[in-house]
PDB file of N, CA and C in Angstrom:
ATOM      1  N   MET A   1     298.933  -6.492 291.183  1.00  0.00           N
ATOM      2  CA  MET A   1     298.639  -7.497 290.248  1.00  0.00           C
ATOM      3  C   MET A   1     299.927  -8.261 289.901  1.00  0.00           C
ATOM      4  N   GLU A   2     299.854  -9.540 290.204  1.00  0.00           N
ATOM      5  CA  GLU A   2     300.915 -10.473 289.940  1.00  0.00           C
ATOM      6  C   GLU A   2     300.897 -11.000 288.472  1.00  0.00           C
ATOM      7  N   LEU A   3     301.969 -10.861 287.792  1.00  0.00           N
ATOM      8  CA  LEU A   3     301.942 -11.334 286.367  1.00  0.00           C
ATOM      9  C   LEU A   3     302.966 -12.332 286.181  1.00  0.00           C
ATOM     10  N   ASN A   4     302.620 -13.451 285.531  1.00  0.00           N
ATOM     11  CA  ASN A   4     303.565 -14.612 285.244  1.00  0.00           C
ATOM     12  C   ASN A   4     304.227 -14.314 283.965  1.00  0.00           C
ATOM     13  N   LEU A   5     305.469 -13.954 283.970  1.00  0.00           N
ATOM     14  CA  LEU A   5     306.247 -13.641 282.793  1.00  0.00           C
ATOM     15  C   LEU A   5     307.081 -14.806 282.116  1.00  0.00           C
ATOM     16  N   SER A   6     307.027 -15.910 282.784  1.00  0.00           N
ATOM     17  CA  SER A   6     307.829 -17.125 282.478  1.00  0.00           C
ATOM     18  C   SER A   6     307.414 -17.535 280.993  1.00  0.00           C
ATOM     19  N   PHE A   7     306.194 -17.355 280.642  1.00  0.00           N
ATOM     20  CA  PHE A   7     305.868 -17.963 279.263  1.00  0.00           C
ATOM     21  C   PHE A   7     306.315 -17.021 278.157  1.00  0.00           C
ATOM     22  N   LEU A   8     306.822 -15.769 278.372  1.00  0.00           N
ATOM     23  CA  LEU A   8     307.087 -14.929 277.286  1.00  0.00           C
ATOM     24  C   LEU A   8     308.149 -15.445 276.379  1.00  0.00           C
ATOM     25  N   TRP A   9     309.162 -16.045 276.897  1.00  0.00           N
ATOM     26  CA  TRP A   9     310.353 -16.298 276.106  1.00  0.00           C
ATOM     27  C   TRP A   9     310.135 -17.630 275.324  1.00  0.00           C
ATOM     28  N   THR A  10     309.154 -18.377 275.689  1.00  0.00           N
ATOM     29  CA  THR A  10     308.888 -19.628 275.073  1.00  0.00           C
ATOM     30  C   THR A  10     307.658 -19.562 274.187  1.00  0.00           C
ATOM     31  N   SER A  11     307.053 -18.429 274.178  1.00  0.00           N
ATOM     32  CA  SER A  11     305.743 -18.350 273.516  1.00  0.00           C
ATOM     33  C   SER A  11     306.083 -18.208 271.994  1.00  0.00           C
ATOM     34  N   PRO A  12     305.120 -18.738 271.171  1.00  0.00           N
ATOM     35  CA  PRO A  12     305.307 -18.731 269.667  1.00  0.00           C
ATOM     36  C   PRO A  12     305.063 -17.416 269.195  1.00  0.00           C
ATOM     37  N   LYS A  13     305.217 -17.154 267.939  1.00  0.00           N
ATOM     38  CA  LYS A  13     305.042 -15.896 267.386  1.00  0.00           C
ATOM     39  C   LYS A  13     303.508 -15.501 267.426  1.00  0.00           C
ATOM     40  N   PRO A  14     303.243 -14.256 267.850  1.00  0.00           N
ATOM     41  CA  PRO A  14     301.884 -13.873 268.046  1.00  0.00           C
ATOM     42  C   PRO A  14     301.173 -13.889 266.729  1.00  0.00           C
ATOM     43  N   PRO A  15     299.846 -14.158 266.699  1.00  0.00           N
ATOM     44  CA  PRO A  15     299.019 -14.212 265.504  1.00  0.00           C
ATOM     45  C   PRO A  15     299.013 -12.816 264.786  1.00  0.00           C
ATOM     46  N   SER A  16     298.658 -12.754 263.530  1.00  0.00           N
ATOM     47  CA  SER A  16     298.581 -11.481 262.838  1.00  0.00           C
ATOM     48  C   SER A  16     297.532 -10.610 263.319  1.00  0.00           C
ATOM     49  N   SER A  17     296.627 -11.169 264.099  1.00  0.00           N
ATOM     50  CA  SER A  17     295.505 -10.308 264.735  1.00  0.00           C
ATOM     51  C   SER A  17     296.123  -9.363 265.795  1.00  0.00           C
ATOM     52  N   PHE A  18     297.316  -9.536 266.169  1.00  0.00           N
ATOM     53  CA  PHE A  18     298.007  -8.607 267.136  1.00  0.00           C
ATOM     54  C   PHE A  18     298.337  -7.270 266.523  1.00  0.00           C
ATOM     55  N   SER A  19     298.112  -7.067 265.252  1.00  0.00           N
ATOM     56  CA  SER A  19     298.422  -5.772 264.603  1.00  0.00           C
ATOM     57  C   SER A  19     297.529  -4.688 265.115  1.00  0.00           C
ATOM     58  N   ASN A  20     296.350  -5.093 265.657  1.00  0.00           N
ATOM     59  CA  ASN A  20     295.364  -4.091 266.374  1.00  0.00           C
ATOM     60  C   ASN A  20     295.587  -4.312 267.826  1.00  0.00           C
ATOM     61  N   LEU A  21     296.117  -3.258 268.401  1.00  0.00           N
ATOM     62  CA  LEU A  21     296.435  -3.499 269.840  1.00  0.00           C
ATOM     63  C   LEU A  21     295.362  -3.045 270.898  1.00  0.00           C
ATOM     64  N   THR A  22     294.197  -2.614 270.350  1.00  0.00           N
ATOM     65  CA  THR A  22     293.248  -2.069 271.240  1.00  0.00           C
ATOM     66  C   THR A  22     292.519  -3.047 272.072  1.00  0.00           C
ATOM     67  N   ASN A  23     292.283  -4.180 271.676  1.00  0.00           N
ATOM     68  CA  ASN A  23     291.569  -5.196 272.395  1.00  0.00           C
ATOM     69  C   ASN A  23     292.266  -6.338 272.986  1.00  0.00           C
ATOM     70  N   HIS A  24     293.465  -6.131 273.472  1.00  0.00           N
ATOM     71  CA  HIS A  24     294.312  -7.150 274.010  1.00  0.00           C
ATOM     72  C   HIS A  24     294.543  -6.991 275.511  1.00  0.00           C
ATOM     73  N   SER A  25     294.801  -8.067 276.169  1.00  0.00           N
ATOM     74  CA  SER A  25     295.085  -8.057 277.624  1.00  0.00           C
ATOM     75  C   SER A  25     296.491  -7.491 277.837  1.00  0.00           C
ATOM     76  N   HIS A  26     296.742  -7.196 279.037  1.00  0.00           N
ATOM     77  CA  HIS A  26     297.985  -6.707 279.495  1.00  0.00           C
ATOM     78  C   HIS A  26     299.154  -7.689 279.145  1.00  0.00           C
ATOM     79  N   GLU A  27     298.791  -8.964 279.382  1.00  0.00           N
ATOM     80  CA  GLU A  27     299.804 -10.035 279.140  1.00  0.00           C
ATOM     81  C   GLU A  27     300.123 -10.160 277.673  1.00  0.00           C
ATOM     82  N   GLU A  28     299.054 -10.128 276.847  1.00  0.00           N
ATOM     83  CA  GLU A  28     299.290 -10.164 275.425  1.00  0.00           C
ATOM     84  C   GLU A  28     300.132  -8.910 274.947  1.00  0.00           C
ATOM     85  N   LEU A  29     299.863  -7.773 275.419  1.00  0.00           N
ATOM     86  CA  LEU A  29     300.700  -6.564 274.954  1.00  0.00           C
ATOM     87  C   LEU A  29     302.141  -6.800 275.442  1.00  0.00           C
ATOM     88  N   ILE A  30     302.343  -7.436 276.623  1.00  0.00           N
ATOM     89  CA  ILE A  30     303.738  -7.635 277.027  1.00  0.00           C
ATOM     90  C   ILE A  30     304.436  -8.724 276.065  1.00  0.00           C
ATOM     91  N   ILE A  31     303.603  -9.675 275.629  1.00  0.00           N
ATOM     92  CA  ILE A  31     304.201 -10.623 274.723  1.00  0.00           C
ATOM     93  C   ILE A  31     304.600  -9.978 273.467  1.00  0.00           C
ATOM     94  N   ILE A  32     303.731  -9.113 272.986  1.00  0.00           N
ATOM     95  CA  ILE A  32     304.066  -8.340 271.727  1.00  0.00           C
ATOM     96  C   ILE A  32     305.322  -7.607 271.841  1.00  0.00           C
ATOM     97  N   ARG A  33     305.550  -6.854 272.908  1.00  0.00           N
ATOM     98  CA  ARG A  33     306.658  -5.963 273.270  1.00  0.00           C
ATOM     99  C   ARG A  33     307.920  -6.943 273.375  1.00  0.00           C
ATOM    100  N   ALA A  34     307.774  -7.942 274.064  1.00  0.00           N
ATOM    101  CA  ALA A  34     308.921  -8.917 274.223  1.00  0.00           C
ATOM    102  C   ALA A  34     309.397  -9.382 272.913  1.00  0.00           C
ATOM    103  N   ARG A  35     308.427  -9.749 272.023  1.00  0.00           N
ATOM    104  CA  ARG A  35     308.985 -10.203 270.686  1.00  0.00           C
ATOM    105  C   ARG A  35     309.643  -9.025 269.908  1.00  0.00           C
ATOM    106  N   GLN A  36     309.149  -7.910 270.123  1.00  0.00           N
ATOM    107  CA  GLN A  36     309.812  -6.785 269.439  1.00  0.00           C
ATOM    108  C   GLN A  36     311.216  -6.499 269.876  1.00  0.00           C
ATOM    109  N   LEU A  37     311.338  -6.663 271.230  1.00  0.00           N
ATOM    110  CA  LEU A  37     312.777  -6.421 271.742  1.00  0.00           C
ATOM    111  C   LEU A  37     313.622  -7.689 271.516  1.00  0.00           C
ATOM    112  N   GLU A  38     313.110  -8.827 271.215  1.00  0.00           N
ATOM    113  CA  GLU A  38     313.865 -10.116 271.131  1.00  0.00           C
ATOM    114  C   GLU A  38     314.801 -10.125 269.878  1.00  0.00           C
ATOM    115  N   LYS A  39     314.237  -9.492 268.815  1.00  0.00           N
ATOM    116  CA  LYS A  39     315.008  -9.565 267.536  1.00  0.00           C
ATOM    117  C   LYS A  39     315.304 -10.930 267.155  1.00  0.00           C
ATOM    118  N   ARG A  40     314.370 -11.789 266.886  1.00  0.00           N
ATOM    119  CA  ARG A  40     314.584 -13.201 266.437  1.00  0.00           C
ATOM    120  C   ARG A  40     315.154 -13.161 265.010  1.00  0.00           C
ATOM    121  N   GLN A  41     315.898 -14.034 264.663  1.00  0.00           N
ATOM    122  CA  GLN A  41     316.537 -14.148 263.416  1.00  0.00           C
ATOM    123  C   GLN A  41     315.481 -14.199 262.259  1.00  0.00           C
ATOM    124  N   GLU A  42     314.348 -14.904 262.389  1.00  0.00           N
ATOM    125  CA  GLU A  42     313.314 -14.960 261.365  1.00  0.00           C
ATOM    126  C   GLU A  42     312.717 -13.568 261.152  1.00  0.00           C
ATOM    127  N   ASP A  43     312.582 -12.711 262.274  1.00  0.00           N
ATOM    128  CA  ASP A  43     312.186 -11.313 262.107  1.00  0.00           C
ATOM    129  C   ASP A  43     313.115 -10.486 261.367  1.00  0.00           C
ATOM    130  N   LEU A  44     314.404 -10.612 261.649  1.00  0.00           N
ATOM    131  CA  LEU A  44     315.427  -9.831 261.103  1.00  0.00           C
ATOM    132  C   LEU A  44     315.511 -10.244 259.601  1.00  0.00           C
ATOM    133  N   ASP A  45     315.352 -11.514 259.168  1.00  0.00           N
ATOM    134  CA  ASP A  45     315.361 -11.972 257.817  1.00  0.00           C
ATOM    135  C   ASP A  45     314.189 -11.357 257.100  1.00  0.00           C
ATOM    136  N   LEU A  46     313.039 -11.315 257.747  1.00  0.00           N
ATOM    137  CA  LEU A  46     311.769 -10.748 257.064  1.00  0.00           C
ATOM    138  C   LEU A  46     312.058  -9.211 256.853  1.00  0.00           C
ATOM    139  N   ILE A  47     312.667  -8.499 257.810  1.00  0.00           N
ATOM    140  CA  ILE A  47     312.851  -7.075 257.589  1.00  0.00           C
ATOM    141  C   ILE A  47     313.851  -6.854 256.497  1.00  0.00           C
ATOM    142  N   LYS A  48     314.960  -7.703 256.475  1.00  0.00           N
ATOM    143  CA  LYS A  48     315.929  -7.530 255.337  1.00  0.00           C
ATOM    144  C   LYS A  48     315.286  -7.699 254.032  1.00  0.00           C
ATOM    145  N   GLU A  49     314.353  -8.748 253.978  1.00  0.00           N
ATOM    146  CA  GLU A  49     313.679  -9.107 252.663  1.00  0.00           C
ATOM    147  C   GLU A  49     312.855  -7.905 252.231  1.00  0.00           C
ATOM    148  N   ARG A  50     312.068  -7.264 253.124  1.00  0.00           N
ATOM    149  CA  ARG A  50     311.232  -6.088 252.889  1.00  0.00           C
ATOM    150  C   ARG A  50     312.153  -4.900 252.405  1.00  0.00           C
ATOM    151  N   VAL A  51     313.216  -4.645 253.118  1.00  0.00           N
ATOM    152  CA  VAL A  51     314.020  -3.472 252.782  1.00  0.00           C
ATOM    153  C   VAL A  51     314.627  -3.695 251.415  1.00  0.00           C
ATOM    154  N   LEU A  52     315.083  -4.879 251.126  1.00  0.00           N
ATOM    155  CA  LEU A  52     315.712  -5.131 249.714  1.00  0.00           C
ATOM    156  C   LEU A  52     314.613  -4.972 248.682  1.00  0.00           C
ATOM    157  N   LYS A  53     313.379  -5.553 248.844  1.00  0.00           N
ATOM    158  CA  LYS A  53     312.315  -5.457 247.959  1.00  0.00           C
ATOM    159  C   LYS A  53     311.995  -3.918 247.729  1.00  0.00           C
ATOM    160  N   ALA A  54     311.981  -3.142 248.766  1.00  0.00           N
ATOM    161  CA  ALA A  54     311.687  -1.765 248.687  1.00  0.00           C
ATOM    162  C   ALA A  54     312.780  -0.934 247.842  1.00  0.00           C
ATOM    163  N   ARG A  55     314.027  -1.345 248.084  1.00  0.00           N
ATOM    164  CA  ARG A  55     315.086  -0.708 247.385  1.00  0.00           C
ATOM    165  C   ARG A  55     315.041  -1.112 245.885  1.00  0.00           C
ATOM    166  N   TYR A  56     314.932  -2.285 245.528  1.00  0.00           N
ATOM    167  CA  TYR A  56     314.785  -2.681 244.163  1.00  0.00           C
ATOM    168  C   TYR A  56     313.560  -2.123 243.483  1.00  0.00           C
ATOM    169  N   THR A  57     312.440  -1.965 244.151  1.00  0.00           N
ATOM    170  CA  THR A  57     311.303  -1.347 243.686  1.00  0.00           C
ATOM    171  C   THR A  57     311.549   0.169 243.320  1.00  0.00           C
ATOM    172  N   SER A  58     312.251   0.815 244.195  1.00  0.00           N
ATOM    173  CA  SER A  58     312.582   2.196 244.069  1.00  0.00           C
ATOM    174  C   SER A  58     313.569   2.349 242.928  1.00  0.00           C
ATOM    175  N   ILE A  59     314.553   1.523 242.736  1.00  0.00           N
ATOM    176  CA  ILE A  59     315.487   1.620 241.632  1.00  0.00           C
ATOM    177  C   ILE A  59     314.706   1.414 240.300  1.00  0.00           C
ATOM    178  N   ALA A  60     313.848   0.496 240.224  1.00  0.00           N
ATOM    179  CA  ALA A  60     313.019   0.199 239.011  1.00  0.00           C
ATOM    180  C   ALA A  60     312.233   1.453 238.701  1.00  0.00           C
ATOM    181  N   GLN A  61     311.559   1.959 239.627  1.00  0.00           N
ATOM    182  CA  GLN A  61     310.817   3.274 239.434  1.00  0.00           C
ATOM    183  C   GLN A  61     311.588   4.419 239.032  1.00  0.00           C
ATOM    184  N   PHE A  62     312.726   4.574 239.637  1.00  0.00           N
ATOM    185  CA  PHE A  62     313.665   5.685 239.184  1.00  0.00           C
ATOM    186  C   PHE A  62     314.102   5.481 237.735  1.00  0.00           C
ATOM    187  N   GLU A  63     314.424   4.230 237.377  1.00  0.00           N
ATOM    188  CA  GLU A  63     314.890   4.003 236.029  1.00  0.00           C
ATOM    189  C   GLU A  63     313.761   4.180 234.993  1.00  0.00           C
ATOM    190  N   LYS A  64     312.454   3.856 235.445  1.00  0.00           N
ATOM    191  CA  LYS A  64     311.305   4.064 234.456  1.00  0.00           C
ATOM    192  C   LYS A  64     311.064   5.519 234.364  1.00  0.00           C
ATOM    193  N   GLU A  65     311.112   6.273 235.452  1.00  0.00           N
ATOM    194  CA  GLU A  65     310.722   7.745 235.399  1.00  0.00           C
ATOM    195  C   GLU A  65     311.840   8.588 234.621  1.00  0.00           C
ATOM    196  N   ASN A  66     313.036   8.061 234.664  1.00  0.00           N
ATOM    197  CA  ASN A  66     314.209   8.782 234.032  1.00  0.00           C
ATOM    198  C   ASN A  66     314.778   8.101 232.890  1.00  0.00           C
ATOM    199  N   ALA A  67     313.975   7.268 232.161  1.00  0.00           N
ATOM    200  CA  ALA A  67     314.581   6.440 231.141  1.00  0.00           C
ATOM    201  C   ALA A  67     315.216   7.318 230.056  1.00  0.00           C
ATOM    202  N   SER A  68     314.599   8.531 229.766  1.00  0.00           N
ATOM    203  CA  SER A  68     315.123   9.382 228.678  1.00  0.00           C
ATOM    204  C   SER A  68     316.382  10.127 229.143  1.00  0.00           C
ATOM    205  N   LEU A  69     316.638  10.158 230.417  1.00  0.00           N
ATOM    206  CA  LEU A  69     317.910  10.876 230.852  1.00  0.00           C
ATOM    207  C   LEU A  69     319.042   9.951 231.058  1.00  0.00           C
ATOM    208  N   ILE A  70     318.737   8.649 231.321  1.00  0.00           N
ATOM    209  CA  ILE A  70     319.813   7.652 231.561  1.00  0.00           C
ATOM    210  C   ILE A  70     320.470   7.180 230.258  1.00  0.00           C
ATOM    211  N   ILE A  71     321.775   7.302 230.165  1.00  0.00           N
ATOM    212  CA  ILE A  71     322.489   6.841 228.949  1.00  0.00           C
ATOM    213  C   ILE A  71     323.514   5.856 229.312  1.00  0.00           C
ATOM    214  N   ASP A  72     323.552   4.704 228.696  1.00  0.00           N
ATOM    215  CA  ASP A  72     324.562   3.717 229.061  1.00  0.00           C
ATOM    216  C   ASP A  72     325.533   3.750 227.803  1.00  0.00           C
ATOM    217  N   TYR A  73     326.646   4.264 227.984  1.00  0.00           N
ATOM    218  CA  TYR A  73     327.679   4.392 226.917  1.00  0.00           C
ATOM    219  C   TYR A  73     328.449   3.073 226.693  1.00  0.00           C
ATOM    220  N   ASP A  74     328.524   2.182 227.594  1.00  0.00           N
ATOM    221  CA  ASP A  74     329.052   0.851 227.539  1.00  0.00           C
ATOM    222  C   ASP A  74     330.488   1.058 227.233  1.00  0.00           C
ATOM    223  N   PHE A  75     331.318   1.740 228.041  1.00  0.00           N
ATOM    224  CA  PHE A  75     332.700   1.873 227.723  1.00  0.00           C
ATOM    225  C   PHE A  75     333.400   0.607 228.284  1.00  0.00           C
ATOM    226  N   ALA A  76     334.384   0.300 227.455  1.00  0.00           N
ATOM    227  CA  ALA A  76     335.210  -0.930 227.758  1.00  0.00           C
ATOM    228  C   ALA A  76     336.040  -0.676 229.022  1.00  0.00           C
ATOM    229  N   PRO A  77     336.335  -1.752 229.786  1.00  0.00           N
ATOM    230  CA  PRO A  77     337.239  -1.539 231.078  1.00  0.00           C
ATOM    231  C   PRO A  77     338.603  -0.997 230.636  1.00  0.00           C
ATOM    232  N   GLY A  78     338.998   0.035 231.316  1.00  0.00           N
ATOM    233  CA  GLY A  78     340.183   0.716 231.075  1.00  0.00           C
ATOM    234  C   GLY A  78     340.149   1.913 230.244  1.00  0.00           C
ATOM    235  N   SER A  79     338.890   2.139 229.653  1.00  0.00           N
ATOM    236  CA  SER A  79     338.744   3.299 228.727  1.00  0.00           C
ATOM    237  C   SER A  79     338.779   4.570 229.471  1.00  0.00           C
ATOM    238  N   LEU A  80     339.351   5.563 228.921  1.00  0.00           N
ATOM    239  CA  LEU A  80     339.367   6.941 229.610  1.00  0.00           C
ATOM    240  C   LEU A  80     338.266   7.764 228.970  1.00  0.00           C
ATOM    241  N   GLY A  81     337.697   8.661 229.704  1.00  0.00           N
ATOM    242  CA  GLY A  81     336.647   9.555 229.264  1.00  0.00           C
ATOM    243  C   GLY A  81     336.750  10.913 229.792  1.00  0.00           C
ATOM    244  N   LEU A  82     336.287  11.890 229.029  1.00  0.00           N
ATOM    245  CA  LEU A  82     336.283  13.236 229.551  1.00  0.00           C
ATOM    246  C   LEU A  82     334.928  13.552 229.959  1.00  0.00           C
ATOM    247  N   VAL A  83     334.742  14.039 231.151  1.00  0.00           N
ATOM    248  CA  VAL A  83     333.415  14.317 231.751  1.00  0.00           C
ATOM    249  C   VAL A  83     333.335  15.788 232.108  1.00  0.00           C
ATOM    250  N   GLN A  84     332.143  16.376 231.755  1.00  0.00           N
ATOM    251  CA  GLN A  84     331.872  17.703 232.023  1.00  0.00           C
ATOM    252  C   GLN A  84     330.460  17.857 232.654  1.00  0.00           C
ATOM    253  N   ASN A  85     330.436  18.599 233.824  1.00  0.00           N
ATOM    254  CA  ASN A  85     329.157  18.717 234.522  1.00  0.00           C
ATOM    255  C   ASN A  85     328.513  20.002 234.020  1.00  0.00           C
ATOM    256  N   PHE A  86     327.652  19.972 233.087  1.00  0.00           N
ATOM    257  CA  PHE A  86     326.989  21.151 232.495  1.00  0.00           C
ATOM    258  C   PHE A  86     326.195  21.999 233.604  1.00  0.00           C
ATOM    259  N   ARG A  87     325.633  21.370 234.537  1.00  0.00           N
ATOM    260  CA  ARG A  87     324.874  22.063 235.453  1.00  0.00           C
ATOM    261  C   ARG A  87     325.717  22.990 236.413  1.00  0.00           C
ATOM    262  N   ILE A  88     326.920  22.605 236.670  1.00  0.00           N
ATOM    263  CA  ILE A  88     327.809  23.444 237.545  1.00  0.00           C
ATOM    264  C   ILE A  88     328.552  24.510 236.772  1.00  0.00           C
ATOM    265  N   GLU A  89     329.171  24.100 235.656  1.00  0.00           N
ATOM    266  CA  GLU A  89     329.996  25.070 234.913  1.00  0.00           C
ATOM    267  C   GLU A  89     329.168  25.979 234.089  1.00  0.00           C
ATOM    268  N   THR A  90     329.692  27.184 234.108  1.00  0.00           N
ATOM    269  CA  THR A  90     328.932  28.252 233.438  1.00  0.00           C
ATOM    270  C   THR A  90     329.778  28.724 232.231  1.00  0.00           C
ATOM    271  N   SER A  91     329.090  29.268 231.173  1.00  0.00           N
ATOM    272  CA  SER A  91     329.926  29.792 230.045  1.00  0.00           C
ATOM    273  C   SER A  91     330.013  31.276 230.171  1.00  0.00           C
ATOM    274  N   ASP A  92     331.223  31.701 230.093  1.00  0.00           N
ATOM    275  CA  ASP A  92     331.624  33.145 230.160  1.00  0.00           C
ATOM    276  C   ASP A  92     331.974  33.725 228.831  1.00  0.00           C
TER     277      ASP A  92
END
C-alpha cells in the first residue's frame, strides 16, 4: 500500500474529534502521531499553561486543607530566628 506522506507537515491541527482513535483511517492516525512528534510551539504553550494551572490549583488546595497548620510569622528581612523541629527531636 502506497501512502502519500507529503501532506503531513503542512496539515492543520487535527480536529478535536481525533481524541477517539478507533474510527480513523491509517493516514489520519499518521497525521495524529506526526503532530505529537512535531512539538509545535502552540502545543508546548498549551501544555505549559495546563501544568501551571494544575500547580496553582494544587497549591490552593494544599493551603485550604492545611490552613490551621500554616502560620505566617511575617519576619522582617534580616531577622534571626530559632527553629526547632519537634517531630524529629525527642525529649529525654
